[in-house]
Protein backbone atom coordinates (compact mmCIF):
# COMPACT_ATOMS: atom_id res chain seq x y z
CA MET A 1 147.25 50.49 246.49
CA ALA A 2 146.85 49.43 242.85
CA LEU A 3 149.99 49.83 240.75
CA PRO A 4 149.84 51.56 237.35
CA ARG A 5 149.56 49.19 234.39
CA LYS A 6 151.40 49.98 231.20
CA ARG A 7 148.90 48.19 228.97
CA PHE A 8 146.20 50.62 230.08
CA GLY A 9 148.51 53.65 229.80
CA GLN A 10 147.86 54.53 233.44
CA HIS A 11 149.30 57.67 235.02
CA PHE A 12 147.46 58.52 238.24
CA LEU A 13 146.79 62.16 239.05
CA HIS A 14 147.75 62.96 242.64
CA ASP A 15 148.33 66.73 242.88
CA PRO A 16 145.48 68.21 245.02
CA ALA A 17 145.84 71.67 243.47
CA VAL A 18 145.51 70.29 239.94
CA ILE A 19 142.55 68.10 240.92
CA GLU A 20 140.80 71.14 242.40
CA ARG A 21 141.53 73.22 239.30
CA ILE A 22 140.06 70.54 237.03
CA ALA A 23 136.95 70.23 239.19
CA ARG A 24 136.46 74.00 239.11
CA ALA A 25 136.77 73.96 235.32
CA ILE A 26 134.10 71.25 235.08
CA ALA A 27 131.94 73.11 237.64
CA PRO A 28 129.34 70.41 238.39
CA ARG A 29 125.83 71.77 238.88
CA PRO A 30 122.72 70.43 240.58
CA GLY A 31 120.98 68.00 238.26
CA ASP A 32 124.09 67.26 236.16
CA HIS A 33 124.68 63.77 234.82
CA LEU A 34 128.45 63.34 234.71
CA VAL A 35 130.40 60.54 233.06
CA GLU A 36 134.02 60.09 234.14
CA ILE A 37 136.22 58.16 231.74
CA GLY A 38 139.02 56.28 233.49
CA PRO A 39 138.59 57.27 237.16
CA GLY A 40 141.72 55.31 238.13
CA ARG A 41 142.24 55.59 241.88
CA GLY A 42 139.33 58.02 242.15
CA ALA A 43 141.16 61.29 242.83
CA LEU A 44 138.82 63.34 240.62
CA THR A 45 135.87 61.05 241.33
CA ARG A 46 135.86 61.94 245.03
CA ARG A 47 136.08 65.64 244.27
CA LEU A 48 133.19 65.48 241.79
CA LEU A 49 131.04 63.58 244.28
CA ALA A 50 131.64 66.39 246.77
CA ALA A 51 129.55 68.59 244.45
CA ASP A 52 125.76 68.66 244.21
CA LEU A 53 125.21 66.57 241.07
CA ALA A 54 122.52 64.09 240.08
CA THR A 55 124.56 61.11 238.89
CA LEU A 56 128.15 60.13 238.18
CA ASP A 57 128.80 57.20 235.86
CA ALA A 58 132.45 56.14 236.16
CA VAL A 59 133.82 53.95 233.36
CA GLU A 60 136.93 51.95 234.32
CA ILE A 61 138.49 49.17 232.24
CA ASP A 62 140.81 47.95 235.03
CA ARG A 63 138.85 45.45 237.15
CA ASP A 64 141.16 45.77 240.15
CA LEU A 65 140.83 49.55 240.26
CA ALA A 66 137.07 49.30 239.77
CA ALA A 67 136.84 46.91 242.72
CA LEU A 68 138.75 49.32 244.96
CA LEU A 69 136.52 52.23 243.94
CA ALA A 70 133.39 50.17 244.46
CA ALA A 71 134.50 49.18 247.95
CA GLU A 72 135.27 52.76 248.93
CA LEU A 73 132.44 54.69 247.26
CA ALA A 74 129.59 52.18 247.09
CA SER A 75 127.63 54.03 249.78
CA ASP A 76 127.06 57.00 247.42
CA ALA A 77 123.91 56.15 245.46
CA ARG A 78 124.73 58.75 242.82
CA LEU A 79 127.76 56.75 241.63
CA VAL A 80 127.35 53.98 239.07
CA LEU A 81 130.54 52.10 238.24
CA HIS A 82 130.91 50.52 234.80
CA VAL A 83 133.70 47.96 234.40
CA ALA A 84 134.03 48.42 230.66
CA ASP A 85 136.02 49.80 227.76
CA ALA A 86 134.90 53.36 227.03
CA LEU A 87 135.00 52.52 223.31
CA ASP A 88 132.07 50.17 223.95
CA LEU A 89 130.06 52.72 225.92
CA ASP A 90 126.63 53.55 224.43
CA LEU A 91 126.26 57.18 225.45
CA ASP A 92 122.92 57.62 223.70
CA ALA A 93 121.41 54.78 225.73
CA LEU A 94 122.98 56.09 228.93
CA ALA A 95 121.63 59.60 228.35
CA ALA A 96 118.16 58.11 227.79
CA ARG A 97 118.38 56.23 231.09
CA ARG A 98 119.55 59.32 232.96
CA GLY A 99 116.86 61.49 231.38
CA GLY A 100 119.14 64.25 230.18
CA LYS A 101 122.31 65.16 228.37
CA LEU A 102 125.65 63.98 229.72
CA ARG A 103 128.77 65.89 230.74
CA LEU A 104 131.93 63.90 230.10
CA ALA A 105 135.23 64.26 231.92
CA GLY A 106 138.40 62.33 232.54
CA ASN A 107 142.02 61.58 231.81
CA LEU A 108 141.98 59.79 228.44
CA PRO A 109 144.69 57.22 227.69
CA TYR A 110 147.04 59.07 225.37
CA ASN A 111 147.41 56.09 223.01
CA LEU A 112 143.62 55.92 222.52
CA SER A 113 142.60 59.56 222.75
CA THR A 114 141.68 60.08 219.08
CA PRO A 115 139.56 56.89 218.71
CA LEU A 116 137.79 57.76 221.95
CA LEU A 117 137.06 61.32 220.82
CA PHE A 118 135.63 60.10 217.51
CA HIS A 119 133.53 57.52 219.38
CA PHE A 120 132.11 60.18 221.69
CA LEU A 121 131.35 62.46 218.73
CA GLU A 122 129.05 59.77 217.33
CA SER A 123 126.79 60.55 220.31
CA SER A 124 127.25 64.32 220.29
CA GLY A 125 123.48 64.82 220.44
CA SER A 126 123.48 63.22 223.90
CA ILE A 127 126.40 65.27 225.26
CA GLU A 128 126.44 68.79 226.67
CA ASP A 129 130.20 69.20 227.04
CA MET A 130 133.45 67.35 227.66
CA HIS A 131 136.47 68.18 229.81
CA PHE A 132 139.43 65.94 229.08
CA MET A 133 143.05 65.72 230.05
CA LEU A 134 145.10 64.88 226.98
CA GLN A 135 148.64 65.09 225.73
CA ARG A 136 149.46 68.76 225.19
CA GLU A 137 150.26 68.23 221.51
CA VAL A 138 146.85 66.63 220.93
CA VAL A 139 145.06 69.59 222.50
CA ALA A 140 147.15 71.91 220.33
CA ARG A 141 145.82 70.07 217.26
CA MET A 142 142.24 70.19 218.53
CA THR A 143 142.35 73.96 218.96
CA ALA A 144 144.56 74.85 215.97
CA ARG A 145 143.76 77.46 213.33
CA PRO A 146 144.05 76.96 209.55
CA GLY A 147 147.54 77.61 208.25
CA THR A 148 149.31 76.48 211.42
CA ARG A 149 151.52 73.43 211.79
CA GLU A 150 149.15 71.77 214.29
CA TYR A 151 146.06 72.12 212.07
CA GLY A 152 144.98 68.77 210.66
CA ARG A 153 142.46 65.95 210.51
CA LEU A 154 141.54 66.05 214.21
CA THR A 155 140.91 69.81 214.10
CA VAL A 156 138.70 69.55 211.03
CA MET A 157 136.72 66.52 212.24
CA LEU A 158 135.87 68.21 215.54
CA ALA A 159 134.97 71.59 214.05
CA PRO A 160 131.38 70.96 212.88
CA ARG A 161 130.20 69.61 216.23
CA VAL A 162 132.20 71.17 219.07
CA ARG A 163 133.91 74.36 220.16
CA ALA A 164 137.32 73.46 221.57
CA GLU A 165 139.07 75.57 224.19
CA ARG A 166 142.44 74.84 225.75
CA LEU A 167 142.18 75.70 229.46
CA PHE A 168 145.55 75.02 231.10
CA ASP A 169 148.64 72.79 231.03
CA ILE A 170 149.71 70.18 233.59
CA GLY A 171 153.30 69.10 234.16
CA PRO A 172 154.46 65.47 234.52
CA GLY A 173 155.04 65.87 238.27
CA ALA A 174 151.27 65.92 238.93
CA PHE A 175 151.10 62.20 238.08
CA HIS A 176 152.38 58.88 239.34
CA PRO A 177 154.29 57.65 237.50
CA PRO A 178 155.23 60.90 235.73
CA PRO A 179 154.56 60.70 231.98
CA LYS A 180 157.25 61.79 229.53
CA VAL A 181 155.01 64.51 228.12
CA TRP A 182 153.05 67.53 229.33
CA SER A 183 149.27 67.38 229.47
CA SER A 184 146.52 69.92 228.87
CA ILE A 185 142.90 70.26 229.91
CA VAL A 186 140.56 70.95 227.01
CA ARG A 187 136.90 71.95 227.11
CA LEU A 188 134.77 70.70 224.23
CA GLU A 189 131.41 72.44 224.15
CA VAL A 190 128.97 70.57 221.93
CA LEU A 191 127.23 72.96 219.55
CA ARG A 192 123.44 72.99 219.79
CA GLN A 193 123.36 72.93 216.01
CA PRO A 194 126.30 71.70 213.89
CA ALA A 195 128.34 74.53 212.40
CA PHE A 196 127.21 73.22 209.01
CA ALA A 197 125.29 70.23 207.65
CA VAL A 198 128.03 67.60 207.45
CA ALA A 199 128.19 65.83 204.08
CA PRO A 200 128.30 62.00 204.19
CA ASP A 201 131.80 61.92 202.64
CA TYR A 202 133.23 64.60 204.95
CA GLY A 203 135.37 62.18 206.94
CA LYS A 204 136.61 60.42 203.82
CA VAL A 205 137.67 63.67 202.16
CA VAL A 206 139.36 64.99 205.32
CA ALA A 207 141.25 61.72 205.84
CA ALA A 208 142.46 61.72 202.22
CA ALA A 209 143.48 65.37 202.35
CA PHE A 210 145.69 64.91 205.41
CA ALA A 211 147.05 61.45 204.61
CA HIS A 212 150.07 63.15 203.01
CA ARG A 213 150.29 66.70 204.34
CA ARG A 214 152.76 67.95 201.72
CA LYS A 215 150.47 67.08 198.82
CA THR A 216 148.30 69.69 197.16
CA LEU A 217 144.51 69.32 197.07
CA ARG A 218 144.78 68.26 193.42
CA ASN A 219 147.01 65.30 194.29
CA ALA A 220 145.66 64.43 197.74
CA LEU A 221 142.06 64.14 196.53
CA LYS A 222 142.77 62.40 193.23
CA GLY A 223 140.04 59.85 192.62
CA LEU A 224 137.62 61.65 194.94
CA VAL A 225 137.41 65.22 193.62
CA GLY A 226 138.78 66.44 190.29
CA GLN A 227 140.55 69.72 189.61
CA GLU A 228 137.49 71.28 187.95
CA GLN A 229 135.34 70.37 190.95
CA ILE A 230 137.88 71.88 193.33
CA GLU A 231 137.87 75.10 191.30
CA ALA A 232 134.07 75.07 191.20
CA CYS A 233 134.16 75.20 195.02
CA GLY A 234 136.17 78.41 194.75
CA LEU A 235 139.35 76.68 195.91
CA ASP A 236 142.86 76.53 194.49
CA PRO A 237 143.76 72.95 193.44
CA GLY A 238 147.38 73.80 194.25
CA ALA A 239 146.61 74.77 197.84
CA ARG A 240 147.77 72.69 200.81
CA PRO A 241 145.00 71.08 202.89
CA GLU A 242 146.16 72.78 206.10
CA THR A 243 145.20 76.17 204.67
CA LEU A 244 141.50 75.30 204.27
CA ALA A 245 138.76 76.06 206.79
CA PRO A 246 136.53 73.12 207.81
CA LEU A 247 133.61 74.39 205.71
CA ALA A 248 135.78 74.12 202.58
CA PHE A 249 136.29 70.40 203.23
CA ASN A 250 132.54 70.01 203.47
CA GLN A 251 132.14 71.72 200.09
CA LEU A 252 134.65 69.27 198.64
CA ALA A 253 132.76 66.34 200.19
CA GLU A 254 129.54 67.59 198.60
CA ALA A 255 131.37 67.85 195.26
CA ALA A 256 132.60 64.28 195.67
CA ALA A 257 129.03 63.09 196.28
CA ARG A 258 127.79 64.91 193.16
CA ALA A 259 130.55 63.30 191.09
CA VAL A 260 129.52 59.83 192.26
CA ALA A 261 125.87 60.60 191.51
CA ARG A 262 126.75 61.66 187.95
CA HIS A 263 129.12 58.77 187.33
CA PRO A 264 128.09 55.81 189.49
CA SER A 265 130.35 52.76 189.49
CA PRO A 266 129.16 50.15 187.00
CA SER A 267 127.43 47.12 188.44
CA PRO A 268 129.45 43.90 188.30
CA PRO A 269 128.36 41.39 185.64
CA PRO A 270 126.06 38.63 186.83
CA MET A 271 127.75 35.41 187.97
CA GLY A 272 127.32 32.21 185.97
């Protein structure tokens, strides 16, 4: 049996009741193209393959674990094992090969969960939904409401493209070795149409706004959006970023783009 490796942040799920509950939440259907991120020892993989689905692409970075899974499950033609880093996975190309949208699932490494989520969002047009196990605090941020302590950059970046729903919590005892934190299962339903047309500078404005949470909009966005522009968006320059709805950040990003268009940076002088 493969031992957990710290460098991959491995905690293997072993509780049959939890595995069954996750599978029921995913609810594989005939014709589904599932992608499992980090199958580990294959506890959820086996349960998903027991359902009537079209394909299951399992992405595992640990070569030893991948070899064990390949040896055990190679007879199932629906399973395709990718020995790869999920951050390098081209979901758009995979969806094209499968001939339909993908459904993602898995236990994301807690130290890489945010980069992975942002990577998957880049291919949101190729994804139907996602069911992930994450640190409970991360799921709380993903599903937070404006004005709450958990509301922040992750909440706002997800909002235009997905509807996030916290399903249930999982205690440390369901894993080997037990993590030091509780986990949660979150469902991310990709919206058929974005909640709003995302401005090119949306991410930049959101990152700046939440870089220092205690700053007001006026101070946090200095150099990007001026006080008059903030007021023109119908917003209070003295407000804290965590009180704003996602659409307000998009309005600020549009204002930032208009400011650049009116006052473009001067071209550098020619060399020589």
